[in-house]
């Protein structure tokens, strides 16, 4: 009896240990795709018996379950307008990531889905039918060739035309019925206005009070000069009209920017001292204790070298030292360098009749720079650049065009 009792107790102990041991959990991840690209917003549901866990795919179509107990799970991938995927997956420590390709629902099922989601509102449906009829009649009337057809430009000017058109007109498409039309604002779809203009003014100002002191490579402090930096800009766009002279002028875009900058800089150097100017090189840096006359082979008396008239004339150009104690530098001054710049950009576009179009650009850049060196000499650099072109296009038919241009 004691032996049987021990076996029964051992059996119950083993059963209790097995029942209390938790099941292992694993991570399971994957990606939902359509046409080879990740699909965001898909709902992925894992089901095991009465237990259900749901996650959503991110912007790359990826999803992840952090702690699914090992075993057989039913995976469901659902997204509106796509066929729902059902599959069985065995979750374990070495389970491979899932990759599921969605399939679009057939057209008849999509139509049925749209009908089930459309609200049943008879008056609104009738109003929509009437609006569709009106839109059809308007489209038919617009299709008539009542206005000159736009002539396409060469591919090199297509992007520039689109950009300039947005700047001048406020929107590439200003139709009031367009879903992409802009809100009413300056230059955008203004009511009771036959022409559209826009423009802007910008100005930036910087003063030396707000700037740090210029850097000194010699370590000697120098006074901080006062200077300003200014940049201004002006833009304007719209149709060019001059009363009694030019009633239907071209669309014009103009941009002008000017810059007036001055920048402080500390210039350091090693210049001849007063003794060195008279030929006394005894204490000059880098000179030997005894200086030999190459003509006689004898040392100069007192290491004083005769100074020629030509050398004295050149020495007069050098400034005198303004500090001492540094073997590499004994003269330092702050200088101001200036930069002036003017930039002009213009573009004009004019349609001539039904088959011709004229357009062109004119750009100019003028810069003047002054650089001051150690001797207070000013090195001036002036640059002027002009770039202009005029283009003409003619349309023979829908498939044949001719282009002519002149560039300067």
Protein backbone atom coordinates (compact mmCIF):
# COMPACT_ATOMS: atom_id res chain seq x y z
CA UNK A 1 0.00 0.00 0.00
CA UNK A 2 2.80 2.41 0.80
CA UNK A 3 4.40 1.67 -2.54
CA UNK A 4 1.18 2.29 -4.46
CA UNK A 5 0.61 5.51 -2.54
CA UNK A 6 4.10 6.75 -3.47
CA UNK A 7 3.52 6.00 -7.18
CA UNK A 8 0.16 7.82 -7.11
CA UNK A 9 1.71 10.87 -5.42
CA UNK A 10 4.58 10.92 -7.95
CA UNK A 11 2.11 10.72 -10.87
CA UNK A 12 0.04 13.63 -9.50
CA UNK A 13 3.19 15.70 -8.95
CA UNK A 14 4.33 15.19 -12.54
CA UNK A 15 0.86 16.07 -13.86
CA UNK A 16 0.80 19.26 -11.79
CA UNK A 17 4.25 20.31 -13.06
CA UNK A 18 3.26 19.71 -16.70
CA UNK A 19 -0.01 21.60 -16.29
CA UNK A 20 1.65 24.60 -14.62
CA UNK A 21 4.43 24.97 -17.21
CA UNK A 22 3.54 27.89 -19.58
CA UNK A 23 3.54 27.40 -23.36
CA UNK A 24 6.39 28.92 -25.34
CA UNK A 25 5.64 32.16 -27.24
CA UNK A 26 7.32 33.36 -30.45
CA UNK A 27 7.44 36.45 -32.61
CA UNK A 28 5.81 36.31 -36.03
CA UNK A 29 6.19 39.01 -38.69
CA UNK A 30 5.56 39.48 -42.39
CA UNK A 31 4.60 41.87 -45.17
CA UNK A 32 1.45 42.53 -47.18
CA UNK A 33 2.07 43.54 -50.81
CA UNK A 34 0.19 44.36 -53.99
CA UNK A 35 2.03 44.45 -57.30
CA UNK A 36 5.33 44.01 -55.42
CA UNK A 37 4.82 47.11 -53.23
CA UNK A 38 3.97 47.23 -49.52
CA UNK A 39 0.33 47.92 -48.68
CA UNK A 40 -0.38 49.99 -45.51
CA UNK A 41 -3.56 49.74 -43.47
CA UNK A 42 -4.24 46.02 -44.00
CA UNK A 43 -5.76 44.17 -41.00
CA UNK A 44 -3.95 40.96 -40.01
CA UNK A 45 -5.84 38.73 -37.52
CA UNK A 46 -4.35 35.65 -35.86
CA UNK A 47 -6.91 33.18 -34.39
CA UNK A 48 -6.34 30.09 -32.21
CA UNK A 49 -9.50 28.69 -30.72
CA UNK A 50 -11.17 31.51 -28.82
CA UNK A 51 -8.03 33.62 -28.73
CA UNK A 52 -7.77 36.37 -31.38
CA UNK A 53 -4.98 38.95 -31.92
CA UNK A 54 -5.15 41.75 -34.51
CA UNK A 55 -2.48 44.11 -35.89
CA UNK A 56 -2.32 46.57 -38.82
CA UNK A 57 0.37 46.85 -41.52
CA UNK A 58 2.54 49.97 -41.46
CA UNK A 59 3.43 52.31 -44.34
CA UNK A 60 5.73 49.66 -45.81
CA UNK A 61 3.14 46.89 -45.52
CA UNK A 62 5.02 45.20 -42.64
CA UNK A 63 3.36 43.76 -39.53
CA UNK A 64 4.50 41.93 -36.39
CA UNK A 65 3.04 39.81 -33.58
CA UNK A 66 5.31 39.97 -30.54
CA UNK A 67 4.13 37.00 -28.44
CA UNK A 68 2.02 34.34 -30.15
CA UNK A 69 2.03 31.02 -28.28
CA UNK A 70 3.61 28.25 -30.34
CA UNK A 71 1.20 26.09 -32.26
CA UNK A 72 -1.30 26.18 -35.12
CA UNK A 73 -2.83 29.60 -35.90
CA UNK A 74 -5.25 30.84 -38.55
CA UNK A 75 -4.02 34.04 -40.23
CA UNK A 76 -6.50 36.36 -41.97
CA UNK A 77 -5.42 39.38 -44.10
CA UNK A 78 -8.26 41.78 -44.97
CA UNK A 79 -8.38 45.12 -46.79
CA UNK A 80 -11.29 46.84 -48.49
CA UNK A 81 -11.54 46.23 -52.28
CA UNK A 82 -9.18 43.22 -52.00
CA UNK A 83 -9.90 39.52 -51.61
CA UNK A 84 -9.48 38.31 -48.01
CA UNK A 85 -6.64 35.82 -47.45
CA UNK A 86 -7.06 32.85 -45.05
CA UNK A 87 -4.15 30.54 -44.25
CA UNK A 88 -2.83 28.23 -41.53
CA UNK A 89 0.56 28.96 -39.98
CA UNK A 90 2.48 26.94 -37.40
CA UNK A 91 4.08 29.38 -34.95
CA UNK A 92 7.48 28.37 -33.58
CA UNK A 93 10.84 29.87 -32.77
CA UNK A 94 12.11 29.37 -36.34
CA UNK A 95 8.97 30.28 -38.28
CA UNK A 96 9.73 32.09 -41.55
CA UNK A 97 8.30 35.60 -42.10
CA UNK A 98 5.07 35.65 -44.09
CA UNK A 99 4.69 37.44 -47.40
CA UNK A 100 1.15 37.81 -48.72
CA UNK A 101 0.22 39.22 -52.14
CA UNK A 102 -3.25 40.80 -52.24
CA UNK A 103 -5.59 40.27 -55.19
CA UNK A 104 -8.03 42.96 -56.33
CA UNK A 105 -11.71 42.01 -56.26
CA UNK A 106 -13.46 41.43 -59.61
CA UNK A 107 -15.20 44.42 -61.17
CA UNK A 108 -18.71 43.15 -60.47
CA UNK A 109 -17.91 42.66 -56.79
CA UNK A 110 -16.43 46.16 -56.59
CA UNK A 111 -19.58 47.62 -58.13
CA UNK A 112 -21.72 45.67 -55.69
CA UNK A 113 -19.55 46.92 -52.82
CA UNK A 114 -19.95 50.51 -54.01
CA UNK A 115 -23.72 50.13 -54.21
CA UNK A 116 -23.93 48.77 -50.68
CA UNK A 117 -21.92 51.73 -49.35
CA UNK A 118 -23.82 54.43 -51.30
CA UNK A 119 -26.56 56.10 -49.20
CA UNK A 120 -30.10 55.81 -50.49
CA UNK A 121 -31.09 59.43 -51.02
CA UNK A 122 -33.46 59.81 -53.95
CA UNK A 123 -33.55 63.66 -54.16
CA UNK A 124 -29.76 63.82 -54.07
CA UNK A 125 -29.48 61.11 -56.74
CA UNK A 126 -31.82 63.04 -59.01
CA UNK A 127 -29.81 66.21 -58.39
CA UNK A 128 -26.63 64.33 -59.32
CA UNK A 129 -28.20 63.17 -62.61
CA UNK A 130 -29.15 66.74 -63.46
CA UNK A 131 -25.64 67.96 -62.57
CA UNK A 132 -24.10 65.27 -64.79
CA UNK A 133 -26.30 66.39 -67.68
CA UNK A 134 -25.26 70.02 -67.16
CA UNK A 135 -21.58 69.07 -66.98
CA UNK A 136 -21.91 67.04 -70.19
CA UNK A 137 -23.54 69.95 -72.01
CA UNK A 138 -20.83 72.32 -70.73
CA UNK A 139 -18.06 69.95 -71.83
CA UNK A 140 -19.62 69.65 -75.27
CA UNK A 141 -19.79 73.42 -75.63
CA UNK A 142 -16.19 73.82 -74.43
CA UNK A 143 -14.96 71.28 -76.97
CA UNK A 144 -15.82 73.69 -79.80
CA UNK A 145 -12.71 75.44 -81.17
CA UNK A 146 -13.64 78.91 -79.95
CA UNK A 147 -10.16 79.74 -78.58
CA UNK A 148 -6.65 79.37 -80.02
CA UNK A 149 -5.13 76.00 -79.28
CA UNK A 150 -2.06 76.05 -77.07
CA UNK A 151 1.10 75.19 -78.97
CA UNK A 152 3.42 72.85 -77.04
CA UNK A 153 6.96 74.05 -76.48
CA UNK A 154 10.12 71.96 -76.80
CA UNK A 155 10.83 69.56 -73.97
CA UNK A 156 13.64 71.75 -72.62
CA UNK A 157 11.19 74.58 -71.81
CA UNK A 158 8.29 72.45 -70.51
CA UNK A 159 9.30 72.43 -66.86
CA UNK A 160 10.22 76.12 -66.91
CA UNK A 161 6.86 76.99 -68.47
CA UNK A 162 4.98 75.09 -65.79
CA UNK A 163 7.00 76.77 -63.04
CA UNK A 164 6.61 80.26 -64.50
CA UNK A 165 2.92 79.67 -65.12
CA UNK A 166 2.39 78.88 -61.46
CA UNK A 167 4.26 82.03 -60.43
CA UNK A 168 2.36 84.29 -62.80
CA UNK A 169 -1.16 82.92 -62.57
CA UNK A 170 -1.18 81.60 -59.03
CA UNK A 171 -2.09 78.10 -60.21
CA UNK A 172 -1.39 75.92 -63.21
CA UNK A 173 -5.16 75.31 -63.40
CA UNK A 174 -7.38 78.19 -62.34
CA UNK A 175 -10.71 76.67 -63.50
CA UNK A 176 -13.36 77.23 -60.88
CA UNK A 177 -14.77 73.75 -61.52
CA UNK A 178 -11.42 72.03 -61.05
CA UNK A 179 -11.02 70.02 -57.83
CA UNK A 180 -7.44 71.31 -57.68
CA UNK A 181 -8.26 75.03 -57.82
CA UNK A 182 -6.80 77.26 -55.11
CA UNK A 183 -8.69 79.31 -52.57
CA UNK A 184 -9.33 82.94 -53.37
CA UNK A 185 -6.28 84.99 -52.50
CA UNK A 186 -3.96 87.59 -54.01
CA UNK A 187 -3.40 86.38 -57.58
CA UNK A 188 -5.59 83.27 -57.22
CA UNK A 189 -9.03 83.04 -58.86
CA UNK A 190 -10.17 86.48 -57.80
CA UNK A 191 -13.80 87.30 -58.53
CA UNK A 192 -14.73 90.08 -61.00
CA UNK A 193 -11.20 90.37 -62.31
CA UNK A 194 -10.03 89.90 -65.89
CA UNK A 195 -6.30 89.71 -65.15
CA UNK A 196 -4.16 88.05 -62.58
CA UNK A 197 -1.08 89.58 -61.01
CA UNK A 198 1.14 88.54 -58.17
CA UNK A 199 4.35 89.82 -56.67
CA UNK A 200 6.48 90.02 -53.59
CA UNK A 201 9.10 92.10 -51.80
CA UNK A 202 11.85 90.70 -49.54
CA UNK A 203 14.56 92.43 -47.52
CA UNK A 204 17.24 91.07 -45.18
CA UNK A 205 19.53 93.22 -43.01
CA UNK A 206 22.52 92.24 -40.88
CA UNK A 207 24.72 94.54 -38.81
CA UNK A 208 28.16 93.92 -37.30
CA UNK A 209 26.71 94.46 -33.81
CA UNK A 210 25.05 91.05 -34.09
CA UNK A 211 28.15 89.29 -35.48
CA UNK A 212 31.10 87.79 -33.65
CA UNK A 213 34.50 89.47 -33.68
CA UNK A 214 36.76 88.56 -36.58
CA UNK A 215 39.39 85.87 -35.95
CA UNK A 216 43.02 86.86 -35.31
CA UNK A 217 45.64 84.25 -36.28
CA UNK A 218 48.35 86.14 -34.40
CA UNK A 219 46.43 86.10 -31.12
CA UNK A 220 46.58 89.89 -30.83
CA UNK A 221 43.25 91.63 -30.36
CA UNK A 222 42.25 94.08 -33.10
CA UNK A 223 39.42 96.60 -33.16
CA UNK A 224 36.15 95.39 -34.62
CA UNK A 225 35.05 97.53 -37.58
CA UNK A 226 31.43 98.44 -38.23
CA UNK A 227 29.70 97.15 -41.36
CA UNK A 228 26.31 96.18 -42.78
CA UNK A 229 25.01 93.39 -45.00
CA UNK A 230 21.80 93.91 -46.96
CA UNK A 231 19.87 91.80 -49.47
CA UNK A 232 16.64 92.81 -51.20
CA UNK A 233 14.38 91.20 -53.76
CA UNK A 234 11.36 92.05 -55.91
CA UNK A 235 9.12 89.77 -58.00
CA UNK A 236 6.18 90.60 -60.25
CA UNK A 237 4.10 88.59 -62.69
CA UNK A 238 1.04 89.01 -64.85
CA UNK A 239 -0.21 90.11 -68.27
CA UNK A 240 1.46 93.23 -69.64
CA UNK A 241 -1.12 95.86 -70.66
CA UNK A 242 -0.52 99.51 -71.56
CA UNK A 243 -3.71 101.56 -72.12
CA UNK A 244 -4.10 102.85 -75.69
CA UNK A 245 -0.71 101.33 -76.61
CA UNK A 246 -0.63 97.63 -75.77
CA UNK A 247 -4.02 96.18 -74.88
CA UNK A 248 -3.22 92.49 -75.15
CA UNK A 249 0.39 92.21 -74.19
CA UNK A 250 2.34 89.09 -73.25
CA UNK A 251 2.38 87.40 -69.88
CA UNK A 252 5.42 88.78 -68.08
CA UNK A 253 7.42 87.55 -65.11
CA UNK A 254 10.15 89.70 -63.55
CA UNK A 255 12.49 89.07 -60.61
CA UNK A 256 15.21 91.40 -59.32
CA UNK A 257 17.61 90.85 -56.44
CA UNK A 258 20.33 93.12 -55.13
CA UNK A 259 23.01 92.49 -52.51
CA UNK A 260 25.23 94.95 -50.64
CA UNK A 261 27.55 93.06 -48.30
CA UNK A 262 30.64 94.06 -46.35
CA UNK A 263 32.72 91.52 -44.45
CA UNK A 264 35.41 92.18 -41.84
CA UNK A 265 38.68 90.27 -41.89
CA UNK A 266 41.87 90.46 -39.80
CA UNK A 267 45.09 90.50 -41.86
CA UNK A 268 48.44 89.74 -40.21
CA UNK A 269 52.02 89.81 -41.51
CA UNK A 270 55.73 90.19 -40.72
CA UNK A 271 57.08 93.59 -41.88
CA UNK A 272 60.61 95.16 -41.58
CA UNK A 273 61.36 96.94 -38.34
CA UNK A 274 62.90 100.43 -38.12
CA UNK A 275 66.39 98.95 -37.54
CA UNK A 276 66.04 96.51 -40.43
CA UNK A 277 65.05 99.34 -42.78
CA UNK A 278 68.48 100.97 -42.13
CA UNK A 279 70.32 97.68 -42.80
CA UNK A 280 70.87 96.55 -39.18
CA UNK A 281 70.12 92.83 -39.41
CA UNK A 282 71.91 91.81 -36.20
CA UNK A 283 68.68 90.94 -34.37
CA UNK A 284 66.65 90.01 -37.45
CA UNK A 285 64.83 86.71 -37.20
CA UNK A 286 66.52 83.89 -39.10
CA UNK A 287 69.80 85.77 -39.68
CA UNK A 288 73.20 84.41 -38.49
CA UNK A 289 75.23 86.21 -35.86
CA UNK A 290 77.78 87.27 -38.48
CA UNK A 291 76.69 88.44 -41.91
CA UNK A 292 79.36 88.04 -44.67
CA UNK A 293 79.83 90.45 -47.57
CA UNK A 294 79.69 88.18 -50.68
CA UNK A 295 81.87 90.62 -52.62
CA UNK A 296 84.84 90.62 -50.20
CA UNK A 297 84.19 87.52 -48.06
CA UNK A 298 84.57 89.65 -44.93
CA UNK A 299 81.83 90.27 -42.34
CA UNK A 300 79.87 93.51 -42.45
CA UNK A 301 80.86 95.83 -39.59
CA UNK A 302 78.23 95.50 -36.87
CA UNK A 303 76.14 93.29 -39.23
CA UNK A 304 74.85 96.46 -40.93
CA UNK A 305 74.17 95.84 -44.62
CA UNK A 306 74.15 98.83 -46.98
CA UNK A 307 70.67 99.62 -48.29
CA UNK A 308 70.45 100.58 -51.96
CA UNK A 309 68.23 103.32 -53.30
CA UNK A 310 65.93 100.78 -54.98
CA UNK A 311 65.55 98.84 -51.72
CA UNK A 312 64.72 102.02 -49.80
CA UNK A 313 61.99 102.82 -52.34
CA UNK A 314 60.42 99.38 -51.87
CA UNK A 315 60.71 99.56 -48.08
CA UNK A 316 58.65 102.75 -48.13
CA UNK A 317 55.67 100.68 -49.27
CA UNK A 318 55.72 98.51 -46.14
CA UNK A 319 53.95 99.68 -42.98
CA UNK A 320 55.79 99.83 -39.65
CA UNK A 321 55.11 97.12 -37.03
CA UNK A 322 52.25 97.86 -34.66
CA UNK A 323 52.98 95.17 -32.03
CA UNK A 324 55.87 92.96 -30.87
CA UNK A 325 56.44 89.73 -29.00
CA UNK A 326 55.43 87.32 -31.79
CA UNK A 327 58.28 85.97 -33.99
CA UNK A 328 55.88 85.24 -36.89
CA UNK A 329 53.76 88.42 -36.92
CA UNK A 330 54.44 92.04 -35.95
CA UNK A 331 51.74 93.84 -37.93
CA UNK A 332 47.98 93.35 -37.95
CA UNK A 333 45.02 95.40 -39.21
CA UNK A 334 41.30 94.77 -39.73
CA UNK A 335 40.07 95.26 -43.30
CA UNK A 336 36.63 95.40 -44.89
CA UNK A 337 35.87 93.53 -48.11
CA UNK A 338 32.73 94.46 -50.00
CA UNK A 339 30.52 92.62 -52.50
CA UNK A 340 27.79 94.28 -54.56
CA UNK A 341 25.53 92.22 -56.79
CA UNK A 342 22.49 92.88 -58.99
CA UNK A 343 20.53 90.06 -60.64
CA UNK A 344 17.61 90.44 -63.06
CA UNK A 345 15.45 87.67 -64.53
CA UNK A 346 12.58 88.24 -66.97
CA UNK A 347 10.34 86.01 -69.07
CA UNK A 348 7.58 86.87 -71.55
CA UNK A 349 5.08 84.64 -73.37
CA UNK A 350 2.62 85.67 -76.08
CA UNK A 351 0.19 83.63 -78.21
CA UNK A 352 -0.22 84.97 -81.77
CA UNK A 353 -3.39 83.76 -83.41
CA UNK A 354 -4.22 80.07 -83.45
CA UNK A 355 -0.95 78.61 -84.68
CA UNK A 356 1.93 80.78 -83.47
CA UNK A 357 3.47 81.48 -80.11
CA UNK A 358 6.36 83.78 -79.14
CA UNK A 359 8.28 83.53 -75.87
CA UNK A 360 11.68 84.53 -74.54
CA UNK A 361 13.85 85.28 -71.50
CA UNK A 362 16.41 87.90 -70.49
CA UNK A 363 18.77 87.37 -67.54
CA UNK A 364 21.51 89.67 -66.27
CA UNK A 365 24.00 89.37 -63.41
CA UNK A 366 26.35 92.19 -62.39
CA UNK A 367 28.79 91.80 -59.48
CA UNK A 368 31.45 94.14 -58.06
CA UNK A 369 33.89 92.98 -55.38
CA UNK A 370 36.60 94.89 -53.47
CA UNK A 371 39.36 92.95 -51.67
CA UNK A 372 41.77 94.85 -49.38
CA UNK A 373 45.23 93.42 -48.62
CA UNK A 374 47.90 94.06 -45.99
CA UNK A 375 49.17 97.19 -47.73
CA UNK A 376 45.69 98.73 -47.97
CA UNK A 377 45.70 98.12 -51.71
CA UNK A 378 42.23 97.46 -53.11
CA UNK A 379 41.80 94.70 -55.70
CA UNK A 380 38.57 95.38 -57.61
CA UNK A 381 36.79 92.71 -59.67
CA UNK A 382 33.80 93.52 -61.88
CA UNK A 383 31.75 90.87 -63.68
CA UNK A 384 28.79 91.32 -66.02
CA UNK A 385 26.84 88.42 -67.51
CA UNK A 386 23.92 88.60 -69.94
CA UNK A 387 21.86 85.67 -71.23
CA UNK A 388 18.94 86.26 -73.58
CA UNK A 389 16.88 84.12 -75.94
CA UNK A 390 13.76 84.47 -78.07
CA UNK A 391 11.74 81.51 -79.36
CA UNK A 392 8.98 81.11 -81.93
CA UNK A 393 6.78 78.07 -82.52
CA UNK A 394 4.30 77.38 -85.31
CA UNK A 395 1.75 74.57 -85.53
CA UNK A 396 0.92 73.13 -88.94
CA UNK A 397 -1.42 70.45 -87.56
CA UNK A 398 -1.86 68.26 -84.49
CA UNK A 399 1.33 66.31 -85.23
CA UNK A 400 3.69 68.76 -86.99
CA UNK A 401 5.36 71.76 -85.38
CA UNK A 402 8.32 73.99 -86.23
CA UNK A 403 10.49 75.84 -83.71
CA UNK A 404 12.96 78.66 -84.17
CA UNK A 405 15.15 80.29 -81.51
CA UNK A 406 17.96 82.79 -81.09
CA UNK A 407 20.28 82.75 -78.07
CA UNK A 408 22.71 85.43 -76.96
